[in-house]
Amino acid sequence: MTIAKFDNEDFRNKAPDLLADLAKHSVNIIKQHADIEDDLAENIGMLIAMKIGESWGGLNIYMPKAQTLFFCEREKQIYNDFTGNNHAYLARKYKLSLQCIYQIVKRVQKDEINKRQYQMFRED
């Protein structure tokens, strides 16, 4: 695979902050997960940033923090730790209110039941 060569210094000096930051984070992830040379990782990071800039450039974009993904995992863990009578323990462990633990257990339990049950009247 041939990857176009870019002047890394030019990109670092002239790229908008958002794209430069995206490239930097991409390079770090690439280096963590792939055994490739630093220059190649930097070029891939710049290509990713430039492609995002090309695709989304000029748009006024809200960048979500993706916290719901982390919350979802935390809620599943709370539900898995739930034994039926350990609400107070879970509230202390996860630094949440007792009421919040009750709500999470109820919501995840409902989701689990819905996954397993056939829905006669689906709302699509």
PDB file of N, CA and C in Angstrom:
ATOM      1  N   MET A   1       0.849  -1.173   0.000  1.00  0.00           N
ATOM      2  CA  MET A   1       0.000   0.000   0.000  1.00  0.00           C
ATOM      3  C   MET A   1       0.889   1.229   0.000  1.00  0.00           C
ATOM      4  N   THR A   2       0.618   2.141  -0.917  1.00  0.00           N
ATOM      5  CA  THR A   2       1.383   3.373  -1.001  1.00  0.00           C
ATOM      6  C   THR A   2       0.614   4.491  -0.321  1.00  0.00           C
ATOM      7  N   ILE A   3       1.304   5.184   0.545  1.00  0.00           N
ATOM      8  CA  ILE A   3       0.689   6.309   1.244  1.00  0.00           C
ATOM      9  C   ILE A   3       1.422   7.564   0.820  1.00  0.00           C
ATOM     10  N   ALA A   4       0.651   8.560   0.436  1.00  0.00           N
ATOM     11  CA  ALA A   4       1.247   9.815  -0.019  1.00  0.00           C
ATOM     12  C   ALA A   4       2.112  10.410   1.084  1.00  0.00           C
ATOM     13  N   LYS A   5       3.223  10.985   0.690  1.00  0.00           N
ATOM     14  CA  LYS A   5       4.134  11.627   1.646  1.00  0.00           C
ATOM     15  C   LYS A   5       3.754  13.085   1.799  1.00  0.00           C
ATOM     16  N   PHE A   6       3.693  13.539   3.032  1.00  0.00           N
ATOM     17  CA  PHE A   6       3.402  14.932   3.327  1.00  0.00           C
ATOM     18  C   PHE A   6       4.545  15.492   4.139  1.00  0.00           C
ATOM     19  N   ASP A   7       4.670  16.781   4.072  1.00  0.00           N
ATOM     20  CA  ASP A   7       5.666  17.463   4.889  1.00  0.00           C
ATOM     21  C   ASP A   7       5.101  17.564   6.298  1.00  0.00           C
ATOM     22  N   ASN A   8       5.595  16.721   7.189  1.00  0.00           N
ATOM     23  CA  ASN A   8       5.081  16.677   8.555  1.00  0.00           C
ATOM     24  C   ASN A   8       5.185  18.033   9.248  1.00  0.00           C
ATOM     25  N   GLU A   9       6.284  18.712   9.044  1.00  0.00           N
ATOM     26  CA  GLU A   9       6.494  20.008   9.692  1.00  0.00           C
ATOM     27  C   GLU A   9       5.487  21.027   9.196  1.00  0.00           C
ATOM     28  N   ASP A  10       5.221  21.004   7.896  1.00  0.00           N
ATOM     29  CA  ASP A  10       4.242  21.906   7.302  1.00  0.00           C
ATOM     30  C   ASP A  10       2.862  21.661   7.921  1.00  0.00           C
ATOM     31  N   PHE A  11       2.498  20.399   8.036  1.00  0.00           N
ATOM     32  CA  PHE A  11       1.202  20.049   8.622  1.00  0.00           C
ATOM     33  C   PHE A  11       1.129  20.525  10.077  1.00  0.00           C
ATOM     34  N   ARG A  12       2.175  20.240  10.849  1.00  0.00           N
ATOM     35  CA  ARG A  12       2.198  20.640  12.263  1.00  0.00           C
ATOM     36  C   ARG A  12       2.058  22.151  12.428  1.00  0.00           C
ATOM     37  N   ASN A  13       2.680  22.911  11.550  1.00  0.00           N
ATOM     38  CA  ASN A  13       2.670  24.377  11.670  1.00  0.00           C
ATOM     39  C   ASN A  13       1.406  25.028  11.116  1.00  0.00           C
ATOM     40  N   LYS A  14       0.789  24.420  10.114  1.00  0.00           N
ATOM     41  CA  LYS A  14      -0.308  25.087   9.417  1.00  0.00           C
ATOM     42  C   LYS A  14      -1.686  24.476   9.647  1.00  0.00           C
ATOM     43  N   ALA A  15      -1.737  23.263  10.146  1.00  0.00           N
ATOM     44  CA  ALA A  15      -3.036  22.612  10.323  1.00  0.00           C
ATOM     45  C   ALA A  15      -3.830  23.294  11.427  1.00  0.00           C
ATOM     46  N   PRO A  16      -5.132  23.421  11.252  1.00  0.00           N
ATOM     47  CA  PRO A  16      -5.963  23.946  12.339  1.00  0.00           C
ATOM     48  C   PRO A  16      -5.830  23.047  13.570  1.00  0.00           C
ATOM     49  N   ASP A  17      -6.016  23.633  14.741  1.00  0.00           N
ATOM     50  CA  ASP A  17      -5.809  22.900  15.998  1.00  0.00           C
ATOM     51  C   ASP A  17      -6.598  21.602  16.072  1.00  0.00           C
ATOM     52  N   LEU A  18      -7.838  21.633  15.645  1.00  0.00           N
ATOM     53  CA  LEU A  18      -8.676  20.438  15.723  1.00  0.00           C
ATOM     54  C   LEU A  18      -8.093  19.302  14.884  1.00  0.00           C
ATOM     55  N   LEU A  19      -7.665  19.605  13.662  1.00  0.00           N
ATOM     56  CA  LEU A  19      -7.107  18.570  12.792  1.00  0.00           C
ATOM     57  C   LEU A  19      -5.744  18.101  13.290  1.00  0.00           C
ATOM     58  N   ALA A  20      -4.945  19.018  13.791  1.00  0.00           N
ATOM     59  CA  ALA A  20      -3.632  18.643  14.339  1.00  0.00           C
ATOM     60  C   ALA A  20      -3.813  17.722  15.548  1.00  0.00           C
ATOM     61  N   ASP A  21      -4.790  18.031  16.389  1.00  0.00           N
ATOM     62  CA  ASP A  21      -5.052  17.197  17.563  1.00  0.00           C
ATOM     63  C   ASP A  21      -5.573  15.825  17.147  1.00  0.00           C
ATOM     64  N   LEU A  22      -6.451  15.791  16.160  1.00  0.00           N
ATOM     65  CA  LEU A  22      -6.951  14.525  15.638  1.00  0.00           C
ATOM     66  C   LEU A  22      -5.808  13.680  15.090  1.00  0.00           C
ATOM     67  N   ALA A  23      -4.916  14.299  14.338  1.00  0.00           N
ATOM     68  CA  ALA A  23      -3.766  13.576  13.785  1.00  0.00           C
ATOM     69  C   ALA A  23      -2.888  13.030  14.905  1.00  0.00           C
ATOM     70  N   LYS A  24      -2.640  13.848  15.922  1.00  0.00           N
ATOM     71  CA  LYS A  24      -1.782  13.428  17.048  1.00  0.00           C
ATOM     72  C   LYS A  24      -2.376  12.210  17.751  1.00  0.00           C
ATOM     73  N   HIS A  25      -3.674  12.255  18.043  1.00  0.00           N
ATOM     74  CA  HIS A  25      -4.315  11.128  18.724  1.00  0.00           C
ATOM     75  C   HIS A  25      -4.345   9.895  17.826  1.00  0.00           C
ATOM     76  N   SER A  26      -4.567  10.088  16.545  1.00  0.00           N
ATOM     77  CA  SER A  26      -4.551   8.962  15.606  1.00  0.00           C
ATOM     78  C   SER A  26      -3.183   8.298  15.585  1.00  0.00           C
ATOM     79  N   VAL A  27      -2.136   9.107  15.547  1.00  0.00           N
ATOM     80  CA  VAL A  27      -0.761   8.573  15.548  1.00  0.00           C
ATOM     81  C   VAL A  27      -0.512   7.766  16.810  1.00  0.00           C
ATOM     82  N   ASN A  28      -0.931   8.283  17.955  1.00  0.00           N
ATOM     83  CA  ASN A  28      -0.714   7.566  19.217  1.00  0.00           C
ATOM     84  C   ASN A  28      -1.417   6.218  19.229  1.00  0.00           C
ATOM     85  N   ILE A  29      -2.643   6.184  18.735  1.00  0.00           N
ATOM     86  CA  ILE A  29      -3.392   4.922  18.693  1.00  0.00           C
ATOM     87  C   ILE A  29      -2.756   3.957  17.702  1.00  0.00           C
ATOM     88  N   ILE A  30      -2.350   4.461  16.550  1.00  0.00           N
ATOM     89  CA  ILE A  30      -1.710   3.612  15.540  1.00  0.00           C
ATOM     90  C   ILE A  30      -0.433   3.002  16.110  1.00  0.00           C
ATOM     91  N   LYS A  31       0.371   3.791  16.782  1.00  0.00           N
ATOM     92  CA  LYS A  31       1.622   3.290  17.357  1.00  0.00           C
ATOM     93  C   LYS A  31       1.372   2.255  18.446  1.00  0.00           C
ATOM     94  N   GLN A  32       0.296   2.418  19.207  1.00  0.00           N
ATOM     95  CA  GLN A  32      -0.024   1.468  20.264  1.00  0.00           C
ATOM     96  C   GLN A  32      -0.454   0.114  19.714  1.00  0.00           C
ATOM     97  N   HIS A  33      -1.123   0.128  18.565  1.00  0.00           N
ATOM     98  CA  HIS A  33      -1.754  -1.086  18.072  1.00  0.00           C
ATOM     99  C   HIS A  33      -1.139  -1.673  16.807  1.00  0.00           C
ATOM    100  N   ALA A  34      -0.171  -1.009  16.248  1.00  0.00           N
ATOM    101  CA  ALA A  34       0.433  -1.529  15.027  1.00  0.00           C
ATOM    102  C   ALA A  34       1.943  -1.357  15.097  1.00  0.00           C
ATOM    103  N   ASP A  35       2.631  -2.329  14.583  1.00  0.00           N
ATOM    104  CA  ASP A  35       4.092  -2.282  14.566  1.00  0.00           C
ATOM    105  C   ASP A  35       4.544  -1.671  13.242  1.00  0.00           C
ATOM    106  N   ILE A  36       4.489  -0.326  13.179  1.00  0.00           N
ATOM    107  CA  ILE A  36       4.898   0.370  11.961  1.00  0.00           C
ATOM    108  C   ILE A  36       5.831   1.516  12.326  1.00  0.00           C
ATOM    109  N   GLU A  37       6.522   2.005  11.318  1.00  0.00           N
ATOM    110  CA  GLU A  37       7.492   3.085  11.533  1.00  0.00           C
ATOM    111  C   GLU A  37       6.780   4.375  11.928  1.00  0.00           C
ATOM    112  N   ASP A  38       7.474   5.214  12.688  1.00  0.00           N
ATOM    113  CA  ASP A  38       6.908   6.478  13.162  1.00  0.00           C
ATOM    114  C   ASP A  38       6.457   7.375  12.009  1.00  0.00           C
ATOM    115  N   ASP A  39       7.289   7.476  10.952  1.00  0.00           N
ATOM    116  CA  ASP A  39       6.930   8.338   9.817  1.00  0.00           C
ATOM    117  C   ASP A  39       5.639   7.878   9.155  1.00  0.00           C
ATOM    118  N   LEU A  40       5.490   6.574   9.007  1.00  0.00           N
ATOM    119  CA  LEU A  40       4.279   6.036   8.391  1.00  0.00           C
ATOM    120  C   LEU A  40       3.071   6.303   9.286  1.00  0.00           C
ATOM    121  N   ALA A  41       3.219   6.112  10.584  1.00  0.00           N
ATOM    122  CA  ALA A  41       2.130   6.389  11.522  1.00  0.00           C
ATOM    123  C   ALA A  41       1.732   7.862  11.455  1.00  0.00           C
ATOM    124  N   GLU A  42       2.716   8.759  11.367  1.00  0.00           N
ATOM    125  CA  GLU A  42       2.419  10.192  11.273  1.00  0.00           C
ATOM    126  C   GLU A  42       1.689  10.515   9.971  1.00  0.00           C
ATOM    127  N   ASN A  43       2.111   9.892   8.880  1.00  0.00           N
ATOM    128  CA  ASN A  43       1.430  10.128   7.598  1.00  0.00           C
ATOM    129  C   ASN A  43      -0.011   9.627   7.634  1.00  0.00           C
ATOM    130  N   ILE A  44      -0.233   8.474   8.241  1.00  0.00           N
ATOM    131  CA  ILE A  44      -1.589   7.945   8.346  1.00  0.00           C
ATOM    132  C   ILE A  44      -2.432   8.878   9.211  1.00  0.00           C
ATOM    133  N   GLY A  45      -1.875   9.347  10.319  1.00  0.00           N
ATOM    134  CA  GLY A  45      -2.589  10.288  11.184  1.00  0.00           C
ATOM    135  C   GLY A  45      -2.972  11.561  10.448  1.00  0.00           C
ATOM    136  N   MET A  46      -2.040  12.071   9.659  1.00  0.00           N
ATOM    137  CA  MET A  46      -2.335  13.278   8.879  1.00  0.00           C
ATOM    138  C   MET A  46      -3.399  13.011   7.822  1.00  0.00           C
ATOM    139  N   LEU A  47      -3.341  11.850   7.174  1.00  0.00           N
ATOM    140  CA  LEU A  47      -4.352  11.506   6.167  1.00  0.00           C
ATOM    141  C   LEU A  47      -5.737  11.413   6.794  1.00  0.00           C
ATOM    142  N   ILE A  48      -5.818  10.820   7.981  1.00  0.00           N
ATOM    143  CA  ILE A  48      -7.102  10.737   8.679  1.00  0.00           C
ATOM    144  C   ILE A  48      -7.623  12.141   8.960  1.00  0.00           C
ATOM    145  N   ALA A  49      -6.768  12.985   9.515  1.00  0.00           N
ATOM    146  CA  ALA A  49      -7.168  14.354   9.849  1.00  0.00           C
ATOM    147  C   ALA A  49      -7.585  15.118   8.598  1.00  0.00           C
ATOM    148  N   MET A  50      -6.838  14.965   7.525  1.00  0.00           N
ATOM    149  CA  MET A  50      -7.165  15.678   6.293  1.00  0.00           C
ATOM    150  C   MET A  50      -8.484  15.177   5.690  1.00  0.00           C
ATOM    151  N   LYS A  51      -8.741  13.874   5.777  1.00  0.00           N
ATOM    152  CA  LYS A  51      -9.990  13.315   5.258  1.00  0.00           C
ATOM    153  C   LYS A  51     -11.178  13.823   6.070  1.00  0.00           C
ATOM    154  N   ILE A  52     -11.025  13.877   7.385  1.00  0.00           N
ATOM    155  CA  ILE A  52     -12.090  14.421   8.228  1.00  0.00           C
ATOM    156  C   ILE A  52     -12.303  15.895   7.897  1.00  0.00           C
ATOM    157  N   GLY A  53     -11.205  16.627   7.727  1.00  0.00           N
ATOM    158  CA  GLY A  53     -11.311  18.037   7.354  1.00  0.00           C
ATOM    159  C   GLY A  53     -12.015  18.228   6.026  1.00  0.00           C
ATOM    160  N   GLU A  54     -11.701  17.360   5.084  1.00  0.00           N
ATOM    161  CA  GLU A  54     -12.333  17.422   3.760  1.00  0.00           C
ATOM    162  C   GLU A  54     -13.828  17.090   3.868  1.00  0.00           C
ATOM    163  N   SER A  55     -14.159  16.087   4.658  1.00  0.00           N
ATOM    164  CA  SER A  55     -15.551  15.644   4.775  1.00  0.00           C
ATOM    165  C   SER A  55     -16.402  16.593   5.605  1.00  0.00           C
ATOM    166  N   TRP A  56     -15.846  17.096   6.707  1.00  0.00           N
ATOM    167  CA  TRP A  56     -16.631  17.887   7.645  1.00  0.00           C
ATOM    168  C   TRP A  56     -16.228  19.363   7.663  1.00  0.00           C
ATOM    169  N   GLY A  57     -15.251  19.727   6.845  1.00  0.00           N
ATOM    170  CA  GLY A  57     -14.751  21.096   6.846  1.00  0.00           C
ATOM    171  C   GLY A  57     -15.841  22.119   6.585  1.00  0.00           C
ATOM    172  N   GLY A  58     -15.841  23.173   7.370  1.00  0.00           N
ATOM    173  CA  GLY A  58     -16.800  24.251   7.214  1.00  0.00           C
ATOM    174  C   GLY A  58     -18.102  24.050   7.972  1.00  0.00           C
ATOM    175  N   LEU A  59     -18.311  22.852   8.496  1.00  0.00           N
ATOM    176  CA  LEU A  59     -19.533  22.586   9.256  1.00  0.00           C
ATOM    177  C   LEU A  59     -19.366  23.030  10.703  1.00  0.00           C
ATOM    178  N   ASN A  60     -20.444  23.464  11.279  1.00  0.00           N
ATOM    179  CA  ASN A  60     -20.454  23.786  12.703  1.00  0.00           C
ATOM    180  C   ASN A  60     -20.853  22.499  13.409  1.00  0.00           C
ATOM    181  N   ILE A  61     -19.894  21.832  14.027  1.00  0.00           N
ATOM    182  CA  ILE A  61     -20.118  20.487  14.551  1.00  0.00           C
ATOM    183  C   ILE A  61     -20.052  20.481  16.070  1.00  0.00           C
ATOM    184  N   TYR A  62     -20.991  19.770  16.675  1.00  0.00           N
ATOM    185  CA  TYR A  62     -20.936  19.481  18.103  1.00  0.00           C
ATOM    186  C   TYR A  62     -20.239  18.140  18.243  1.00  0.00           C
ATOM    187  N   MET A  63     -19.178  18.077  19.025  1.00  0.00           N
ATOM    188  CA  MET A  63     -18.437  16.838  19.215  1.00  0.00           C
ATOM    189  C   MET A  63     -18.871  16.203  20.528  1.00  0.00           C
ATOM    190  N   PRO A  64     -19.638  15.104  20.470  1.00  0.00           N
ATOM    191  CA  PRO A  64     -20.073  14.458  21.704  1.00  0.00           C
ATOM    192  C   PRO A  64     -18.903  13.791  22.408  1.00  0.00           C
ATOM    193  N   LYS A  65     -19.015  13.655  23.715  1.00  0.00           N
ATOM    194  CA  LYS A  65     -17.951  13.042  24.508  1.00  0.00           C
ATOM    195  C   LYS A  65     -18.050  11.526  24.541  1.00  0.00           C
ATOM    196  N   ALA A  66     -19.094  10.967  24.006  1.00  0.00           N
ATOM    197  CA  ALA A  66     -19.321   9.514  23.991  1.00  0.00           C
ATOM    198  C   ALA A  66     -19.441   8.941  25.397  1.00  0.00           C
ATOM    199  N   GLN A  67     -19.868   9.767  26.340  1.00  0.00           N
ATOM    200  CA  GLN A  67     -20.012   9.287  27.706  1.00  0.00           C
ATOM    201  C   GLN A  67     -21.079   8.215  27.823  1.00  0.00           C
ATOM    202  N   THR A  68     -22.083   8.273  26.953  1.00  0.00           N
ATOM    203  CA  THR A  68     -23.131   7.266  27.038  1.00  0.00           C
ATOM    204  C   THR A  68     -22.575   5.869  26.800  1.00  0.00           C
ATOM    205  N   LEU A  69     -21.527   5.762  25.987  1.00  0.00           N
ATOM    206  CA  LEU A  69     -20.896   4.453  25.791  1.00  0.00           C
ATOM    207  C   LEU A  69     -20.274   3.956  27.081  1.00  0.00           C
ATOM    208  N   PHE A  70     -19.614   4.861  27.804  1.00  0.00           N
ATOM    209  CA  PHE A  70     -18.995   4.483  29.068  1.00  0.00           C
ATOM    210  C   PHE A  70     -20.052   4.215  30.128  1.00  0.00           C
ATOM    211  N   PHE A  71     -21.119   5.024  30.145  1.00  0.00           N
ATOM    212  CA  PHE A  71     -22.190   4.827  31.108  1.00  0.00           C
ATOM    213  C   PHE A  71     -22.873   3.491  30.874  1.00  0.00           C
ATOM    214  N   CYS A  72     -23.065   3.153  29.622  1.00  0.00           N
ATOM    215  CA  CYS A  72     -23.715   1.898  29.275  1.00  0.00           C
ATOM    216  C   CYS A  72     -22.919   0.720  29.843  1.00  0.00           C
ATOM    217  N   GLU A  73     -21.622   0.743  29.682  1.00  0.00           N
ATOM    218  CA  GLU A  73     -20.766  -0.319  30.218  1.00  0.00           C
ATOM    219  C   GLU A  73     -20.823  -0.338  31.739  1.00  0.00           C
ATOM    220  N   ARG A  74     -20.814   0.850  32.353  1.00  0.00           N
ATOM    221  CA  ARG A  74     -20.879   0.927  33.813  1.00  0.00           C
ATOM    222  C   ARG A  74     -22.212   0.372  34.303  1.00  0.00           C
ATOM    223  N   GLU A  75     -23.300   0.701  33.596  1.00  0.00           N
ATOM    224  CA  GLU A  75     -24.608   0.201  33.998  1.00  0.00           C
ATOM    225  C   GLU A  75     -24.693  -1.316  33.886  1.00  0.00           C
ATOM    226  N   LYS A  76     -24.100  -1.885  32.852  1.00  0.00           N
ATOM    227  CA  LYS A  76     -24.072  -3.343  32.720  1.00  0.00           C
ATOM    228  C   LYS A  76     -23.282  -3.972  33.860  1.00  0.00           C
ATOM    229  N   GLN A  77     -22.181  -3.323  34.238  1.00  0.00           N
ATOM    230  CA  GLN A  77     -21.366  -3.843  35.340  1.00  0.00           C
ATOM    231  C   GLN A  77     -22.146  -3.776  36.654  1.00  0.00           C
ATOM    232  N   ILE A  78     -22.858  -2.674  36.877  1.00  0.00           N
ATOM    233  CA  ILE A  78     -23.685  -2.544  38.082  1.00  0.00           C
ATOM    234  C   ILE A  78     -24.730  -3.655  38.107  1.00  0.00           C
ATOM    235  N   TYR A  79     -25.385  -3.868  36.978  1.00  0.00           N
ATOM    236  CA  TYR A  79     -26.409  -4.918  36.901  1.00  0.00           C
ATOM    237  C   TYR A  79     -25.792  -6.288  37.155  1.00  0.00           C
ATOM    238  N   ASN A  80     -24.617  -6.537  36.607  1.00  0.00           N
ATOM    239  CA  ASN A  80     -23.954  -7.832  36.823  1.00  0.00           C
ATOM    240  C   ASN A  80     -23.535  -8.020  38.273  1.00  0.00           C
ATOM    241  N   ASP A  81     -23.209  -6.915  38.959  1.00  0.00           N
ATOM    242  CA  ASP A  81     -22.821  -6.982  40.368  1.00  0.00           C
ATOM    243  C   ASP A  81     -24.020  -7.080  41.301  1.00  0.00           C
ATOM    244  N   PHE A  82     -25.203  -6.809  40.768  1.00  0.00           N
ATOM    245  CA  PHE A  82     -26.416  -6.781  41.578  1.00  0.00           C
ATOM    246  C   PHE A  82     -26.806  -8.197  41.989  1.00  0.00           C
ATOM    247  N   THR A  83     -27.035  -8.391  43.297  1.00  0.00           N
ATOM    248  CA  THR A  83     -27.402  -9.716  43.817  1.00  0.00           C
ATOM    249  C   THR A  83     -28.849  -9.791  44.276  1.00  0.00           C
ATOM    250  N   GLY A  84     -29.554  -8.676  44.219  1.00  0.00           N
ATOM    251  CA  GLY A  84     -30.945  -8.657  44.642  1.00  0.00           C
ATOM    252  C   GLY A  84     -31.172  -7.850  45.907  1.00  0.00           C
ATOM    253  N   ASN A  85     -30.117  -7.705  46.700  1.00  0.00           N
ATOM    254  CA  ASN A  85     -30.268  -6.975  47.959  1.00  0.00           C
ATOM    255  C   ASN A  85     -29.035  -6.142  48.312  1.00  0.00           C
ATOM    256  N   ASN A  86     -28.239  -5.791  47.327  1.00  0.00           N
ATOM    257  CA  ASN A  86     -27.002  -5.044  47.614  1.00  0.00           C
ATOM    258  C   ASN A  86     -26.996  -3.645  47.000  1.00  0.00           C
ATOM    259  N   HIS A  87     -28.157  -3.008  46.967  1.00  0.00           N
ATOM    260  CA  HIS A  87     -28.268  -1.661  46.410  1.00  0.00           C
ATOM    261  C   HIS A  87     -27.331  -0.675  47.109  1.00  0.00           C
ATOM    262  N   ALA A  88     -27.315  -0.691  48.431  1.00  0.00           N
ATOM    263  CA  ALA A  88     -26.494   0.262  49.185  1.00  0.00           C
ATOM    264  C   ALA A  88     -25.005   0.040  48.908  1.00  0.00           C
ATOM    265  N   TYR A  89     -24.598  -1.225  48.849  1.00  0.00           N
ATOM    266  CA  TYR A  89     -23.202  -1.540  48.548  1.00  0.00           C
ATOM    267  C   TYR A  89     -22.811  -0.997  47.170  1.00  0.00           C
ATOM    268  N   LEU A  90     -23.681  -1.208  46.170  1.00  0.00           N
ATOM    269  CA  LEU A  90     -23.392  -0.732  44.815  1.00  0.00           C
ATOM    270  C   LEU A  90     -23.350   0.792  44.756  1.00  0.00           C
ATOM    271  N   ALA A  91     -24.220   1.446  45.513  1.00  0.00           N
ATOM    272  CA  ALA A  91     -24.217   2.912  45.550  1.00  0.00           C
ATOM    273  C   ALA A  91     -22.874   3.428  46.064  1.00  0.00           C
ATOM    274  N   ARG A  92     -22.359   2.802  47.109  1.00  0.00           N
ATOM    275  CA  ARG A  92     -21.042   3.213  47.639  1.00  0.00           C
ATOM    276  C   ARG A  92     -19.924   2.867  46.659  1.00  0.00           C
ATOM    277  N   LYS A  93     -19.966   1.663  46.108  1.00  0.00           N
ATOM    278  CA  LYS A  93     -18.914   1.206  45.192  1.00  0.00           C
ATOM    279  C   LYS A  93     -18.801   2.099  43.959  1.00  0.00           C
ATOM    280  N   TYR A  94     -19.937   2.482  43.387  1.00  0.00           N
ATOM    281  CA  TYR A  94     -19.928   3.257  42.146  1.00  0.00           C
ATOM    282  C   TYR A  94     -20.135   4.756  42.371  1.00  0.00           C
ATOM    283  N   LYS A  95     -20.184   5.140  43.659  1.00  0.00           N
ATOM    284  CA  LYS A  95     -20.323   6.554  44.029  1.00  0.00           C
ATOM    285  C   LYS A  95     -21.554   7.183  43.373  1.00  0.00           C
ATOM    286  N   LEU A  96     -22.673   6.480  43.499  1.00  0.00           N
ATOM    287  CA  LEU A  96     -23.954   6.938  42.976  1.00  0.00           C
ATOM    288  C   LEU A  96     -24.964   6.924  44.110  1.00  0.00           C
ATOM    289  N   SER A  97     -26.072   7.609  43.900  1.00  0.00           N
ATOM    290  CA  SER A  97     -27.121   7.595  44.915  1.00  0.00           C
ATOM    291  C   SER A  97     -27.832   6.246  44.891  1.00  0.00           C
ATOM    292  N   LEU A  98     -28.457   5.927  45.994  1.00  0.00           N
ATOM    293  CA  LEU A  98     -29.231   4.696  46.103  1.00  0.00           C
ATOM    294  C   LEU A  98     -30.353   4.685  45.063  1.00  0.00           C
ATOM    295  N   GLN A  99     -30.997   5.829  44.895  1.00  0.00           N
ATOM    296  CA  GLN A  99     -32.075   5.958  43.914  1.00  0.00           C
ATOM    297  C   GLN A  99     -31.554   5.683  42.498  1.00  0.00           C
ATOM    298  N   CYS A 100     -30.376   6.170  42.205  1.00  0.00           N
ATOM    299  CA  CYS A 100     -29.772   5.962  40.882  1.00  0.00           C
ATOM    300  C   CYS A 100     -29.516   4.469  40.644  1.00  0.00           C
ATOM    301  N   ILE A 101     -29.045   3.771  41.664  1.00  0.00           N
ATOM    302  CA  ILE A 101     -28.798   2.325  41.537  1.00  0.00           C
ATOM    303  C   ILE A 101     -30.112   1.598  41.250  1.00  0.00           C
ATOM    304  N   TYR A 102     -31.171   1.942  41.978  1.00  0.00           N
ATOM    305  CA  TYR A 102     -32.477   1.334  41.727  1.00  0.00           C
ATOM    306  C   TYR A 102     -32.907   1.566  40.282  1.00  0.00           C
ATOM    307  N   GLN A 103     -32.739   2.792  39.784  1.00  0.00           N
ATOM    308  CA  GLN A 103     -33.147   3.126  38.418  1.00  0.00           C
ATOM    309  C   GLN A 103     -32.329   2.346  37.388  1.00  0.00           C
ATOM    310  N   ILE A 104     -31.027   2.256  37.619  1.00  0.00           N
ATOM    311  CA  ILE A 104     -30.153   1.535  36.678  1.00  0.00           C
ATOM    312  C   ILE A 104     -30.531   0.064  36.629  1.00  0.00           C
ATOM    313  N   VAL A 105     -30.693  -0.552  37.793  1.00  0.00           N
ATOM    314  CA  VAL A 105     -31.038  -1.976  37.840  1.00  0.00           C
ATOM    315  C   VAL A 105     -32.363  -2.215  37.122  1.00  0.00           C
ATOM    316  N   LYS A 106     -33.342  -1.364  37.384  1.00  0.00           N
ATOM    317  CA  LYS A 106     -34.649  -1.505  36.753  1.00  0.00           C
ATOM    318  C   LYS A 106     -34.550  -1.349  35.234  1.00  0.00           C
ATOM    319  N   ARG A 107     -33.804  -0.331  34.777  1.00  0.00           N
ATOM    320  CA  ARG A 107     -33.668  -0.060  33.338  1.00  0.00           C
ATOM    321  C   ARG A 107     -32.925  -1.189  32.619  1.00  0.00           C
ATOM    322  N   VAL A 108     -31.819  -1.641  33.181  1.00  0.00           N
ATOM    323  CA  VAL A 108     -31.038  -2.696  32.522  1.00  0.00           C
ATOM    324  C   VAL A 108     -31.811  -4.009  32.544  1.00  0.00           C
ATOM    325  N   GLN A 109     -32.502  -4.263  33.657  1.00  0.00           N
ATOM    326  CA  GLN A 109     -33.316  -5.475  33.740  1.00  0.00           C
ATOM    327  C   GLN A 109     -34.397  -5.465  32.660  1.00  0.00           C
ATOM    328  N   LYS A 110     -35.036  -4.331  32.467  1.00  0.00           N
ATOM    329  CA  LYS A 110     -36.061  -4.192  31.430  1.00  0.00           C
ATOM    330  C   LYS A 110     -35.456  -4.411  30.042  1.00  0.00           C
ATOM    331  N   ASP A 111     -34.272  -3.823  29.798  1.00  0.00           N
ATOM    332  CA  ASP A 111     -33.592  -4.006  28.511  1.00  0.00           C
ATOM    333  C   ASP A 111     -33.254  -5.473  28.265  1.00  0.00           C
ATOM    334  N   GLU A 112     -32.797  -6.159  29.300  1.00  0.00           N
ATOM    335  CA  GLU A 112     -32.435  -7.578  29.166  1.00  0.00           C
ATOM    336  C   GLU A 112     -33.669  -8.418  28.855  1.00  0.00           C
ATOM    337  N   ILE A 113     -34.764  -8.140  29.512  1.00  0.00           N
ATOM    338  CA  ILE A 113     -36.009  -8.871  29.250  1.00  0.00           C
ATOM    339  C   ILE A 113     -36.467  -8.615  27.815  1.00  0.00           C
ATOM    340  N   ASN A 114     -36.411  -7.350  27.384  1.00  0.00           N
ATOM    341  CA  ASN A 114     -36.831  -7.011  26.021  1.00  0.00           C
ATOM    342  C   ASN A 114     -35.974  -7.687  24.966  1.00  0.00           C
ATOM    343  N   LYS A 115     -34.700  -7.883  25.265  1.00  0.00           N
ATOM    344  CA  LYS A 115     -33.818  -8.566  24.299  1.00  0.00           C
ATOM    345  C   LYS A 115     -34.237 -10.019  24.116  1.00  0.00           C
ATOM    346  N   ARG A 116     -34.710 -10.625  25.180  1.00  0.00           N
ATOM    347  CA  ARG A 116     -35.020 -12.058  25.154  1.00  0.00           C
ATOM    348  C   ARG A 116     -36.461 -12.362  24.745  1.00  0.00           C
ATOM    349  N   GLN A 117     -37.342 -11.394  24.895  1.00  0.00           N
ATOM    350  CA  GLN A 117     -38.758 -11.630  24.629  1.00  0.00           C
ATOM    351  C   GLN A 117     -39.132 -11.232  23.216  1.00  0.00           C
ATOM    352  N   TYR A 118     -40.022 -11.989  22.647  1.00  0.00           N
ATOM    353  CA  TYR A 118     -40.582 -11.646  21.351  1.00  0.00           C
ATOM    354  C   TYR A 118     -41.574 -10.512  21.536  1.00  0.00           C
ATOM    355  N   GLN A 119     -41.461  -9.481  20.720  1.00  0.00           N
ATOM    356  CA  GLN A 119     -42.359  -8.334  20.804  1.00  0.00           C
ATOM    357  C   GLN A 119     -43.452  -8.483  19.738  1.00  0.00           C
ATOM    358  N   MET A 120     -44.704  -8.638  20.180  1.00  0.00           N
ATOM    359  CA  MET A 120     -45.805  -8.783  19.219  1.00  0.00           C
ATOM    360  C   MET A 120     -46.111  -7.471  18.512  1.00  0.00           C
ATOM    361  N   PHE A 121     -46.006  -6.373  19.231  1.00  0.00           N
ATOM    362  CA  PHE A 121     -46.366  -5.084  18.662  1.00  0.00           C
ATOM    363  C   PHE A 121     -45.164  -4.154  18.719  1.00  0.00           C
ATOM    364  N   ARG A 122     -44.238  -4.364  17.817  1.00  0.00           N
ATOM    365  CA  ARG A 122     -43.019  -3.549  17.783  1.00  0.00           C
ATOM    366  C   ARG A 122     -43.323  -2.155  17.327  1.00  0.00           C
ATOM    367  N   GLU A 123     -42.615  -1.216  17.920  1.00  0.00           N
ATOM    368  CA  GLU A 123     -42.734   0.188  17.502  1.00  0.00           C
ATOM    369  C   GLU A 123     -41.453   0.564  16.766  1.00  0.00           C
ATOM    370  N   ASP A 124     -41.461   0.388  15.459  1.00  0.00           N
ATOM    371  CA  ASP A 124     -40.252   0.698  14.649  1.00  0.00           C
ATOM    372  C   ASP A 124     -40.339   2.044  14.030  1.00  0.00           C
TER     373      ASP A 124
END
